[in-house]
Amino acid sequence: MEVLAGEPNLRASVRENGCTFQFDYSKVYWNSRLETEHRRIVESLSPTDILADGFAGVGPFAIPAAKRGNRVYANDLNPDSILHLVENASRNRVDPPELLTTSTGCARQFFRSLIESETPFTVAVMNFPAGSPEFLDVFRYAYRSKATPLPTVS
C-alpha cells in the first residue's frame, strides 16, 4: 500500500459488529465490505459451537465469537495479524481470555494439527476468498475413522 498524500500513518481503528479493531494497514489485511459476512457467520453460531479460523487476520470472526462465549481457535500466517488480534481481544475484553487460542502458521497445518490432536471444532472459517478452496483438501478423509462429526466449513 502506498500513501499518496498526507502523513505516512496507516494505523486504523474500525468499529464493526460491536467490536473495535485497531491495526496498521501497511502490515495486515482488512476489508470493511466483509462486515455483513462477518456478522452472518458469528450470528449463525450456536452457544456450543467451537470456531476454528484458519485465516483469522486481526479477528473479525474470532473476537465477536469469543465475546459471545464461543470457544475459538484463530490462526494466521502473518504474525503482525496475530499480534493485532491479541491486542484487539484484550481491547474488546474477551473474557475469559481462555476462550481464544491463537497461532501463527499455514492454515493447512493449523487445521491438520487440530484434527490430528482431536481438538474439537464445529465450524471452520477460511476467509481467503481467492484461495480458500485450495485448503479444503485438509478435511478430505480426516474424519473417516473418528467419532467427531465433520465441521461446517464457511
Protein backbone atom coordinates (compact mmCIF):
# COMPACT_ATOMS: atom_id res chain seq x y z
CA MET A 1 0.00 0.00 0.00
CA GLU A 2 1.26 3.46 -0.85
CA VAL A 3 0.34 6.73 0.84
CA LEU A 4 -0.44 9.24 -1.91
CA ALA A 5 -0.92 12.31 0.29
CA GLY A 6 -0.85 13.28 3.94
CA GLU A 7 1.00 11.70 6.83
CA PRO A 8 2.54 8.27 6.21
CA ASN A 9 0.43 6.83 9.04
CA LEU A 10 -1.61 3.75 8.14
CA ARG A 11 -2.86 2.98 11.65
CA ALA A 12 -6.61 2.49 11.61
CA SER A 13 -9.40 1.99 14.11
CA VAL A 14 -12.54 0.33 12.79
CA ARG A 15 -15.76 -0.41 14.65
CA GLU A 16 -17.58 -3.50 13.41
CA ASN A 17 -20.19 -5.78 14.95
CA GLY A 18 -19.86 -4.30 18.42
CA CYS A 19 -16.05 -4.54 18.46
CA THR A 20 -13.22 -2.10 17.86
CA PHE A 21 -10.33 -3.30 15.71
CA GLN A 22 -7.08 -1.38 15.59
CA PHE A 23 -4.31 -2.27 13.17
CA ASP A 24 -1.69 -0.97 10.78
CA TYR A 25 -2.94 -1.22 7.17
CA SER A 26 0.65 -1.45 5.95
CA LYS A 27 1.08 -4.76 7.79
CA VAL A 28 -2.29 -6.54 7.74
CA TYR A 29 -5.32 -7.19 5.54
CA TRP A 30 -8.73 -5.66 6.26
CA ASN A 31 -11.81 -5.33 4.07
CA SER A 32 -14.74 -3.39 5.53
CA ARG A 33 -17.00 -4.71 2.76
CA LEU A 34 -16.97 -8.08 4.53
CA GLU A 35 -18.75 -6.74 7.63
CA THR A 36 -22.07 -8.37 6.68
CA GLU A 37 -20.37 -11.73 6.16
CA HIS A 38 -18.52 -11.42 9.47
CA ARG A 39 -21.83 -10.72 11.23
CA ARG A 40 -23.69 -13.50 9.40
CA ILE A 41 -21.17 -16.16 10.38
CA VAL A 42 -20.87 -15.05 14.01
CA GLU A 43 -24.64 -14.77 14.45
CA SER A 44 -25.10 -18.25 12.96
CA LEU A 45 -23.02 -19.83 15.75
CA SER A 46 -24.88 -21.69 18.46
CA PRO A 47 -23.67 -21.21 22.05
CA THR A 48 -21.96 -24.61 21.91
CA ASP A 49 -20.18 -24.12 18.57
CA ILE A 50 -16.39 -24.11 18.54
CA LEU A 51 -14.86 -21.94 15.81
CA ALA A 52 -11.57 -22.65 14.01
CA ASP A 53 -10.48 -19.70 11.88
CA GLY A 54 -7.62 -20.52 9.53
CA PHE A 55 -7.16 -17.00 8.14
CA ALA A 56 -8.06 -15.02 11.26
CA GLY A 57 -6.41 -11.71 10.39
CA VAL A 58 -6.97 -9.15 13.14
CA GLY A 59 -10.01 -11.05 14.42
CA PRO A 60 -13.27 -10.03 12.67
CA PHE A 61 -14.73 -13.53 13.21
CA ALA A 62 -12.72 -14.67 16.21
CA ILE A 63 -13.22 -11.74 18.57
CA PRO A 64 -17.01 -11.29 18.21
CA ALA A 65 -17.44 -15.08 18.51
CA ALA A 66 -15.30 -15.24 21.67
CA LYS A 67 -17.17 -12.25 23.11
CA ARG A 68 -20.39 -14.24 22.65
CA GLY A 69 -18.85 -17.06 24.68
CA ASN A 70 -17.82 -19.39 21.87
CA ARG A 71 -14.51 -21.25 22.09
CA VAL A 72 -12.25 -20.02 19.26
CA TYR A 73 -9.00 -21.21 17.67
CA ALA A 74 -7.57 -18.42 15.49
CA ASN A 75 -4.62 -18.74 13.11
CA ASP A 76 -2.95 -16.52 10.55
CA LEU A 77 0.24 -16.82 8.53
CA ASN A 78 1.03 -13.15 9.19
CA PRO A 79 2.50 -12.66 12.69
CA ASP A 80 1.50 -8.96 12.59
CA SER A 81 -2.13 -10.01 12.17
CA ILE A 82 -1.96 -12.28 15.22
CA LEU A 83 -0.27 -9.55 17.25
CA HIS A 84 -3.14 -7.17 16.40
CA LEU A 85 -5.70 -9.93 17.03
CA VAL A 86 -4.35 -10.49 20.56
CA GLU A 87 -4.33 -6.74 21.23
CA ASN A 88 -7.87 -6.42 19.85
CA ALA A 89 -9.09 -9.32 22.00
CA SER A 90 -7.81 -7.50 25.08
CA ARG A 91 -9.20 -4.17 23.87
CA ASN A 92 -12.62 -5.77 23.36
CA ARG A 93 -12.49 -7.53 26.73
CA VAL A 94 -12.70 -11.13 25.54
CA ASP A 95 -13.42 -12.81 28.86
CA PRO A 96 -12.32 -15.28 29.89
CA PRO A 97 -9.23 -14.97 27.72
CA GLU A 98 -9.03 -18.79 27.57
CA LEU A 99 -11.89 -18.70 25.05
CA LEU A 100 -9.41 -17.58 22.38
CA THR A 101 -6.30 -19.53 21.39
CA THR A 102 -4.07 -18.06 18.68
CA SER A 103 -1.36 -19.47 16.45
CA THR A 104 0.79 -18.28 13.59
CA GLY A 105 1.32 -20.53 10.59
CA CYS A 106 -0.07 -22.14 7.48
CA ALA A 107 -3.84 -22.68 7.59
CA ARG A 108 -3.47 -26.21 6.21
CA GLN A 109 -1.11 -27.14 9.07
CA PHE A 110 -3.37 -25.37 11.57
CA PHE A 111 -6.41 -27.45 10.59
CA ARG A 112 -4.36 -30.66 10.34
CA SER A 113 -2.97 -30.07 13.81
CA LEU A 114 -6.44 -29.57 15.29
CA ILE A 115 -7.72 -32.69 13.53
CA GLU A 116 -4.73 -34.88 14.42
CA SER A 117 -4.82 -33.82 18.08
CA GLU A 118 -8.59 -34.46 18.08
CA THR A 119 -9.22 -30.90 19.21
CA PRO A 120 -12.96 -30.48 18.67
CA PHE A 121 -14.32 -27.71 16.48
CA THR A 122 -17.73 -27.48 14.83
CA VAL A 123 -17.25 -24.56 12.44
CA ALA A 124 -14.23 -23.89 10.23
CA VAL A 125 -13.83 -20.42 8.72
CA MET A 126 -11.46 -19.74 5.84
CA ASN A 127 -11.81 -16.08 4.93
CA PHE A 128 -9.45 -16.09 1.97
CA PRO A 129 -11.85 -15.56 -0.95
CA ALA A 130 -9.48 -16.33 -3.79
CA GLY A 131 -7.62 -19.19 -2.17
CA SER A 132 -9.67 -20.99 0.45
CA PRO A 133 -10.88 -23.77 -1.91
CA GLU A 134 -7.22 -24.80 -2.16
CA PHE A 135 -7.32 -25.69 1.55
CA LEU A 136 -10.43 -27.90 1.54
CA ASP A 137 -8.31 -31.00 0.95
CA VAL A 138 -7.31 -30.93 4.62
CA PHE A 139 -10.80 -32.14 5.53
CA ARG A 140 -10.93 -34.93 2.97
CA TYR A 141 -10.85 -38.29 4.77
CA ALA A 142 -9.84 -36.54 8.01
CA TYR A 143 -12.85 -37.76 9.92
CA ARG A 144 -13.29 -41.17 8.31
CA SER A 145 -12.34 -43.16 11.43
CA LYS A 146 -13.23 -40.64 14.10
CA ALA A 147 -16.44 -40.28 16.04
CA THR A 148 -16.16 -36.49 15.73
CA PRO A 149 -18.54 -35.12 13.08
CA LEU A 150 -17.20 -33.12 10.15
CA PRO A 151 -17.35 -29.38 10.93
CA THR A 152 -19.32 -26.86 8.92
CA VAL A 153 -16.90 -25.05 6.60
CA SER A 154 -17.66 -21.39 5.82
